[in-house]
C-alpha atoms as a PDB file:
ATOM      1  CA  MET A   1       4.348  13.319   1.525  1.00  0.00           C
ATOM      2  CA  ARG A   2       6.170  10.818   4.045  1.00  0.00           C
ATOM      3  CA  VAL A   3       4.053   7.403   3.699  1.00  0.00           C
ATOM      4  CA  TYR A   4       4.996   4.189   5.155  1.00  0.00           C
ATOM      5  CA  TYR A   5       4.646   0.815   3.525  1.00  0.00           C
ATOM      6  CA  LEU A   6       4.979  -2.585   6.019  1.00  0.00           C
ATOM      7  CA  THR A   7       5.850  -6.026   4.828  1.00  0.00           C
ATOM      8  CA  ASN A   8       8.002  -9.274   6.222  1.00  0.00           C
ATOM      9  CA  ALA A   9      11.508  -8.791   7.319  1.00  0.00           C
ATOM     10  CA  GLN A  10      12.920 -10.901   4.380  1.00  0.00           C
ATOM     11  CA  PHE A  11      10.857  -8.857   1.524  1.00  0.00           C
ATOM     12  CA  ALA A  12      11.736  -5.657   3.298  1.00  0.00           C
ATOM     13  CA  LEU A  13      15.535  -6.497   3.227  1.00  0.00           C
ATOM     14  CA  SER A  14      15.062  -7.480  -0.594  1.00  0.00           C
ATOM     15  CA  ASN A  15      13.129  -3.997  -1.444  1.00  0.00           C
ATOM     16  CA  ILE A  16      16.180  -2.197   0.069  1.00  0.00           C
ATOM     17  CA  ALA A  17      18.886  -4.263  -1.586  1.00  0.00           C
ATOM     18  CA  LEU A  18      17.157  -4.160  -5.222  1.00  0.00           C
ATOM     19  CA  ARG A  19      16.031  -0.769  -4.523  1.00  0.00           C
ATOM     20  CA  ARG A  20      12.296  -1.312  -5.707  1.00  0.00           C
ATOM     21  CA  ILE A  21       8.832  -2.315  -4.366  1.00  0.00           C
ATOM     22  CA  LYS A  22       6.382  -4.879  -5.648  1.00  0.00           C
ATOM     23  CA  ILE A  23       3.467  -3.791  -7.283  1.00  0.00           C
ATOM     24  CA  SER A  24       0.147  -5.002  -6.044  1.00  0.00           C
ATOM     25  CA  ILE A  25      -2.430  -6.130  -8.525  1.00  0.00           C
ATOM     26  CA  PHE A  26      -6.228  -5.526  -7.393  1.00  0.00           C
ATOM     27  CA  SER A  27      -7.280  -9.311  -7.299  1.00  0.00           C
ATOM     28  CA  ASP A  28      -4.281  -9.974  -5.091  1.00  0.00           C
ATOM     29  CA  LEU A  29      -5.337  -8.021  -2.308  1.00  0.00           C
ATOM     30  CA  ASN A  30      -6.828  -9.153   1.228  1.00  0.00           C
ATOM     31  CA  ASP A  31      -9.936  -7.222   0.569  1.00  0.00           C
ATOM     32  CA  PRO A  32     -12.482  -9.031  -1.508  1.00  0.00           C
ATOM     33  CA  PHE A  33     -14.656  -6.287  -2.554  1.00  0.00           C
ATOM     34  CA  GLU A  34     -11.638  -4.326  -4.024  1.00  0.00           C
ATOM     35  CA  LEU A  35     -12.972  -3.113  -7.328  1.00  0.00           C
ATOM     36  CA  LEU A  36     -16.341  -4.038  -5.939  1.00  0.00           C
ATOM     37  CA  ALA A  37     -17.465  -1.077  -3.717  1.00  0.00           C
ATOM     38  CA  VAL A  38     -20.572  -0.663  -5.919  1.00  0.00           C
ATOM     39  CA  ASP A  39     -24.340  -1.881  -5.824  1.00  0.00           C
ATOM     40  CA  LEU A  40     -24.883  -4.515  -8.364  1.00  0.00           C
ATOM     41  CA  SER A  41     -28.151  -5.927  -6.984  1.00  0.00           C
ATOM     42  CA  ASP A  42     -29.408  -4.544 -10.576  1.00  0.00           C
ATOM     43  CA  LYS A  43     -28.486  -7.946 -12.555  1.00  0.00           C
ATOM     44  CA  THR A  44     -28.020  -5.717 -15.696  1.00  0.00           C
ATOM     45  CA  HIS A  45     -25.133  -3.780 -14.216  1.00  0.00           C
ATOM     46  CA  ARG A  46     -22.815  -6.759 -13.295  1.00  0.00           C
ATOM     47  CA  LYS A  47     -21.900  -8.158 -17.041  1.00  0.00           C
ATOM     48  CA  ALA A  48     -20.669  -4.417 -17.452  1.00  0.00           C
ATOM     49  CA  PHE A  49     -19.279  -4.090 -14.495  1.00  0.00           C
ATOM     50  CA  ARG A  50     -17.922  -7.484 -14.600  1.00  0.00           C
ATOM     51  CA  MET A  51     -15.609  -6.287 -18.130  1.00  0.00           C
ATOM     52  CA  THR A  52     -14.425  -3.139 -16.488  1.00  0.00           C
ATOM     53  CA  LYS A  53     -13.243  -4.806 -13.633  1.00  0.00           C
ATOM     54  CA  ASP A  54     -11.575  -7.347 -15.419  1.00  0.00           C
ATOM     55  CA  GLN A  55      -9.946  -4.710 -17.779  1.00  0.00           C
ATOM     56  CA  LEU A  56      -8.666  -2.561 -14.688  1.00  0.00           C
ATOM     57  CA  ASN A  57      -7.227  -5.700 -12.750  1.00  0.00           C
ATOM     58  CA  GLU A  58      -4.972  -6.116 -16.243  1.00  0.00           C
ATOM     59  CA  ASN A  59      -3.898  -3.218 -16.836  1.00  0.00           C
ATOM     60  CA  LYS A  60      -3.512  -0.884 -13.640  1.00  0.00           C
ATOM     61  CA  GLY A  61      -1.492  -2.005 -10.239  1.00  0.00           C
ATOM     62  CA  LEU A  62      -1.035  -0.026  -7.148  1.00  0.00           C
ATOM     63  CA  ILE A  63       1.491   0.379  -4.212  1.00  0.00           C
ATOM     64  CA  CYS A  64      -0.393   0.761  -0.619  1.00  0.00           C
ATOM     65  CA  PHE A  65       0.661   2.890   2.155  1.00  0.00           C
ATOM     66  CA  SER A  66      -0.031   4.034   5.631  1.00  0.00           C
ATOM     67  CA  LYS A  67       0.089   7.531   6.804  1.00  0.00           C
ATOM     68  CA  SER A  68       1.409   6.314  10.251  1.00  0.00           C
ATOM     69  CA  TRP A  69       3.573   3.265  11.106  1.00  0.00           C
ATOM     70  CA  SER A  70       1.961   3.396  14.933  1.00  0.00           C
ATOM     71  CA  ASN A  71      -1.117   1.387  14.798  1.00  0.00           C
ATOM     72  CA  PRO A  72      -0.382  -2.125  15.938  1.00  0.00           C
ATOM     73  CA  LEU A  73      -2.751  -3.733  13.543  1.00  0.00           C
ATOM     74  CA  LEU A  74      -0.974  -2.723  10.669  1.00  0.00           C
ATOM     75  CA  TRP A  75       2.230  -4.651  12.178  1.00  0.00           C
ATOM     76  CA  GLY A  76      -0.102  -7.795  13.085  1.00  0.00           C
ATOM     77  CA  HIS A  77      -1.557  -8.076   9.342  1.00  0.00           C
ATOM     78  CA  TYR A  78       1.057  -6.941   7.000  1.00  0.00           C
ATOM     79  CA  ALA A  79       4.524  -7.176   9.105  1.00  0.00           C
ATOM     80  CA  GLU A  80       3.987 -10.671   9.708  1.00  0.00           C
ATOM     81  CA  LYS A  81       2.984 -10.238  13.516  1.00  0.00           C
ATOM     82  CA  HIS A  82       5.537  -7.371  14.417  1.00  0.00           C
ATOM     83  CA  THR A  83       8.433  -9.291  13.255  1.00  0.00           C
ATOM     84  CA  GLY A  84       8.526  -7.385   9.953  1.00  0.00           C
ATOM     85  CA  ILE A  85       9.963  -4.101   8.835  1.00  0.00           C
ATOM     86  CA  CYS A  86       8.100  -0.512   7.569  1.00  0.00           C
ATOM     87  CA  LEU A  87       9.602   1.491   5.075  1.00  0.00           C
ATOM     88  CA  GLY A  88       8.912   5.346   5.026  1.00  0.00           C
ATOM     89  CA  PHE A  89       9.031   7.119   1.401  1.00  0.00           C
ATOM     90  CA  ASP A  90       8.908  10.444   0.464  1.00  0.00           C
ATOM     91  CA  ILE A  91       6.467  10.612  -2.567  1.00  0.00           C
ATOM     92  CA  PRO A  92       4.951  14.016  -4.306  1.00  0.00           C
ATOM     93  CA  ASP A  93       1.249  14.277  -2.889  1.00  0.00           C
ATOM     94  CA  LYS A  94       0.374  14.362  -6.767  1.00  0.00           C
ATOM     95  CA  PHE A  95       1.257  10.574  -7.007  1.00  0.00           C
ATOM     96  CA  LEU A  96      -1.026   9.696  -4.256  1.00  0.00           C
ATOM     97  CA  LYS A  97      -4.678   9.197  -3.766  1.00  0.00           C
ATOM     98  CA  PRO A  98      -6.335   8.558  -0.288  1.00  0.00           C
ATOM     99  CA  VAL A  99      -8.596   5.763   0.201  1.00  0.00           C
ATOM    100  CA  ILE A 100     -12.190   6.516   0.620  1.00  0.00           C
ATOM    101  CA  TYR A 101     -14.079   4.806   3.445  1.00  0.00           C
ATOM    102  CA  SER A 102     -17.601   4.054   3.052  1.00  0.00           C
ATOM    103  CA  LYS A 103     -20.115   2.345   4.718  1.00  0.00           C
ATOM    104  CA  SER A 104     -22.038   1.536   1.583  1.00  0.00           C
ATOM    105  CA  PRO A 105     -21.582   0.691  -1.857  1.00  0.00           C
ATOM    106  CA  MET A 106     -21.553   3.251  -4.637  1.00  0.00           C
ATOM    107  CA  LYS A 107     -24.430   3.214  -6.895  1.00  0.00           C
ATOM    108  CA  ILE A 108     -23.379   2.804 -10.753  1.00  0.00           C
ATOM    109  CA  LYS A 109     -24.854   4.162 -14.222  1.00  0.00           C
ATOM    110  CA  ILE A 110     -25.416   2.088 -17.473  1.00  0.00           C
ATOM    111  CA  ASN A 111     -25.798   3.570 -21.010  1.00  0.00           C
ATOM    112  CA  PRO A 112     -28.575   2.331 -22.044  1.00  0.00           C
ATOM    113  CA  LYS A 113     -27.259   2.252 -26.082  1.00  0.00           C
ATOM    114  CA  THR A 114     -23.846   0.694 -25.329  1.00  0.00           C
ATOM    115  CA  GLY A 115     -24.458  -1.252 -22.342  1.00  0.00           C
ATOM    116  CA  GLU A 116     -21.241   0.248 -20.825  1.00  0.00           C
ATOM    117  CA  LEU A 117     -20.601   1.688 -17.350  1.00  0.00           C
ATOM    118  CA  ILE A 118     -20.979   5.376 -17.525  1.00  0.00           C
ATOM    119  CA  PHE A 119     -17.991   6.644 -15.354  1.00  0.00           C
ATOM    120  CA  ASN A 120     -17.781  10.354 -16.142  1.00  0.00           C
ATOM    121  CA  GLU A 121     -19.960  11.707 -13.352  1.00  0.00           C
ATOM    122  CA  ASN A 122     -18.680  12.511 -10.128  1.00  0.00           C
ATOM    123  CA  ASN A 123     -15.192  11.331 -11.042  1.00  0.00           C
ATOM    124  CA  MET A 124     -16.814   7.580 -10.490  1.00  0.00           C
ATOM    125  CA  MET A 125     -13.429   6.122 -11.899  1.00  0.00           C
ATOM    126  CA  SER A 126     -11.336   7.273  -9.268  1.00  0.00           C
ATOM    127  CA  ARG A 127     -13.955   6.688  -6.707  1.00  0.00           C
ATOM    128  CA  LEU A 128     -13.909   2.812  -7.594  1.00  0.00           C
ATOM    129  CA  LEU A 129     -10.429   2.737  -7.608  1.00  0.00           C
ATOM    130  CA  ARG A 130      -9.982   4.136  -3.926  1.00  0.00           C
ATOM    131  CA  THR A 131     -12.874   2.793  -1.965  1.00  0.00           C
ATOM    132  CA  LYS A 132     -13.142   0.634   0.911  1.00  0.00           C
ATOM    133  CA  PHE A 133     -15.351  -0.786   3.711  1.00  0.00           C
ATOM    134  CA  ALA A 134     -15.302   1.816   6.258  1.00  0.00           C
ATOM    135  CA  ASP A 135     -13.974  -1.057   8.489  1.00  0.00           C
ATOM    136  CA  TRP A 136     -10.858  -0.663   6.988  1.00  0.00           C
ATOM    137  CA  ARG A 137     -10.278   3.178   8.168  1.00  0.00           C
ATOM    138  CA  TYR A 138      -7.543   2.016  10.822  1.00  0.00           C
ATOM    139  CA  GLU A 139      -5.313   1.605   7.751  1.00  0.00           C
ATOM    140  CA  ASP A 140      -5.288   5.536   6.904  1.00  0.00           C
ATOM    141  CA  GLU A 141      -4.192   4.326   3.341  1.00  0.00           C
ATOM    142  CA  MET A 142      -2.837   6.292   0.305  1.00  0.00           C
ATOM    143  CA  ARG A 143      -2.129   4.915  -2.584  1.00  0.00           C
ATOM    144  CA  LEU A 144       0.023   5.019  -5.711  1.00  0.00           C
ATOM    145  CA  PHE A 145      -1.526   3.831  -8.876  1.00  0.00           C
ATOM    146  CA  VAL A 146       0.751   2.167 -11.725  1.00  0.00           C
ATOM    147  CA  GLU A 147       0.141   1.400 -15.304  1.00  0.00           C
ATOM    148  CA  LEU A 148       1.301  -2.330 -15.787  1.00  0.00           C
ATOM    149  CA  ASP A 149       4.240  -2.659 -18.160  1.00  0.00           C
ATOM    150  CA  HIS A 150       3.991  -6.446 -19.106  1.00  0.00           C
ATOM    151  CA  ASP A 151       7.164  -5.971 -20.672  1.00  0.00           C
ATOM    152  CA  SER A 152       8.974  -5.678 -17.416  1.00  0.00           C
ATOM    153  CA  ILE A 153       7.225  -8.749 -15.615  1.00  0.00           C
ATOM    154  CA  GLU A 154       9.312 -10.913 -13.728  1.00  0.00           C
ATOM    155  CA  SER A 155       8.240 -14.718 -12.345  1.00  0.00           C
ATOM    156  CA  GLY A 156       4.858 -13.151 -12.615  1.00  0.00           C
ATOM    157  CA  ASN A 157       5.387  -9.899 -10.948  1.00  0.00           C
ATOM    158  CA  TYR A 158       5.740  -6.166 -11.239  1.00  0.00           C
ATOM    159  CA  PHE A 159       8.219  -3.969  -9.657  1.00  0.00           C
ATOM    160  CA  TYR A 160       8.504   0.029  -9.031  1.00  0.00           C
ATOM    161  CA  PRO A 161      12.179   1.465  -8.640  1.00  0.00           C
ATOM    162  CA  PHE A 162      13.096   4.072  -6.227  1.00  0.00           C
ATOM    163  CA  SER A 163      13.757   7.378  -7.725  1.00  0.00           C
ATOM    164  CA  GLU A 164      13.779  10.778  -7.132  1.00  0.00           C
ATOM    165  CA  ASP A 165       9.995  10.979  -6.627  1.00  0.00           C
ATOM    166  CA  PHE A 166      10.119   7.674  -4.775  1.00  0.00           C
ATOM    167  CA  ILE A 167      12.659   8.401  -2.219  1.00  0.00           C
ATOM    168  CA  LEU A 168      13.195   5.973   0.913  1.00  0.00           C
ATOM    169  CA  ARG A 169      14.063   8.237   4.004  1.00  0.00           C
ATOM    170  CA  GLU A 170      12.971   5.401   7.152  1.00  0.00           C
ATOM    171  CA  ILE A 171      13.484   2.240   8.017  1.00  0.00           C
ATOM    172  CA  VAL A 172      11.389   0.997  11.155  1.00  0.00           C
ATOM    173  CA  LEU A 173      12.431  -2.469  12.738  1.00  0.00           C
ATOM    174  CA  GLY A 174       9.197  -3.900  14.152  1.00  0.00           C
ATOM    175  CA  PRO A 175       8.889  -4.794  18.212  1.00  0.00           C
ATOM    176  CA  ARG A 176       9.759  -8.543  17.537  1.00  0.00           C
ATOM    177  CA  CYS A 177      11.930  -7.990  14.717  1.00  0.00           C
ATOM    178  CA  GLU A 178      15.340  -9.704  14.999  1.00  0.00           C
ATOM    179  CA  ILE A 179      17.270  -8.436  12.489  1.00  0.00           C
ATOM    180  CA  PRO A 180      20.114  -6.133  14.090  1.00  0.00           C
ATOM    181  CA  ILE A 181      20.130  -2.378  13.474  1.00  0.00           C
ATOM    182  CA  ASN A 182      23.604  -1.843  12.254  1.00  0.00           C
ATOM    183  CA  GLY A 183      22.743  -4.730   9.691  1.00  0.00           C
ATOM    184  CA  LEU A 184      20.301  -2.454   8.094  1.00  0.00           C
ATOM    185  CA  ARG A 185      23.132   0.810   8.414  1.00  0.00           C
ATOM    186  CA  SER A 186      25.082  -1.334   6.762  1.00  0.00           C
ATOM    187  CA  LEU A 187      22.569  -2.402   3.785  1.00  0.00           C
ATOM    188  CA  ILE A 188      22.461   1.399   3.249  1.00  0.00           C
ATOM    189  CA  GLU A 189      25.627   2.875   3.225  1.00  0.00           C
ATOM    190  CA  ASN A 190      25.357   3.143  -0.803  1.00  0.00           C
ATOM    191  CA  PHE A 191      22.295   5.481  -0.806  1.00  0.00           C
ATOM    192  CA  ASN A 192      22.857   8.732  -1.661  1.00  0.00           C
ATOM    193  CA  GLN A 193      20.289  10.136   0.627  1.00  0.00           C
ATOM    194  CA  PRO A 194      20.079  10.178   4.742  1.00  0.00           C
ATOM    195  CA  ILE A 195      17.807   7.306   5.852  1.00  0.00           C
ATOM    196  CA  ARG A 196      17.023   6.821   9.352  1.00  0.00           C
ATOM    197  CA  VAL A 197      17.165   3.280  10.893  1.00  0.00           C
ATOM    198  CA  ILE A 198      15.044   2.998  14.021  1.00  0.00           C
ATOM    199  CA  LYS A 199      13.883   0.007  16.498  1.00  0.00           C
ATOM    200  CA  SER A 200      10.040   0.043  17.276  1.00  0.00           C
ATOM    201  CA  ARG A 201       8.494  -1.104  20.418  1.00  0.00           C
ATOM    202  CA  ILE A 202       5.099  -1.675  22.146  1.00  0.00           C
ATOM    203  CA  ALA A 203       4.028   1.529  23.937  1.00  0.00           C
ATOM    204  CA  SER A 204       3.872   1.108  27.976  1.00  0.00           C
ATOM    205  CA  SER A 205       1.078   3.512  28.485  1.00  0.00           C
ATOM    206  CA  SER A 206      -1.362   2.989  25.036  1.00  0.00           C
ATOM    207  CA  PHE A 207      -2.178   0.753  22.307  1.00  0.00           C
ATOM    208  CA  ARG A 208       0.692   1.975  20.155  1.00  0.00           C
ATOM    209  CA  VAL A 209       3.954   0.874  18.580  1.00  0.00           C
ATOM    210  CA  VAL A 210       6.559   3.306  19.537  1.00  0.00           C
ATOM    211  CA  GLU A 211      10.056   4.266  18.715  1.00  0.00           C
ATOM    212  CA  HIS A 212      12.487   2.295  20.977  1.00  0.00           C
ATOM    213  CA  LYS A 213      14.932   5.166  21.937  1.00  0.00           C
ATOM    214  CA  ILE A 214      16.904   3.021  24.246  1.00  0.00           C
ATOM    215  CA  ALA A 215      17.682   0.185  21.859  1.00  0.00           C
ATOM    216  CA  ILE A 216      18.641   2.860  19.282  1.00  0.00           C
ATOM    217  CA  ARG A 217      20.944   4.543  21.333  1.00  0.00           C
ATOM    218  CA  GLU A 218      22.330   1.078  22.312  1.00  0.00           C
ATOM    219  CA  ASN A 219      23.222   0.433  18.474  1.00  0.00           C
END
């Protein structure tokens, strides 16, 4: 599946040069309800859930993608007000999980004997990792989950390398990105696979971000 990762220009250039993507930690994401998409109105559930949440945050990371780069909200929120860059990757479907958009938190159950959460019903753990409030639906998000290797941490960060299952295929410069197309093309000359580099613009007849064909031809 082709999926898209939007970021600021500086990070994108570093990602390309070092051939890797930063792995996000749940506690660092911009949605405060990450791993909290459950009904905790029952006080007896809160302690058990807090322990589970802390364990997940400690050991599991993720990389967030969108199925498309045409939504201007994505560029505004994740690509430094349209000045950033979008990277398109081909990733096997089996590694990607779609986000579940919900209007209400999930109900959870507690084992009365152990006091632990019951996650084996209705694939509850998978749903917990993927559920977000319905208003985030515009992101059309797909997630790649990663087990954190604490031995490979660099200055507090974890990274996921480009590979045959994580192939860079597209580079889209934002409508306000000032980096020249030819500079990006020079940066990827040593890649083995073809990578399409394009410039984008704000559409003339819709609220979308689209390909700037004239700018591409002129470069």
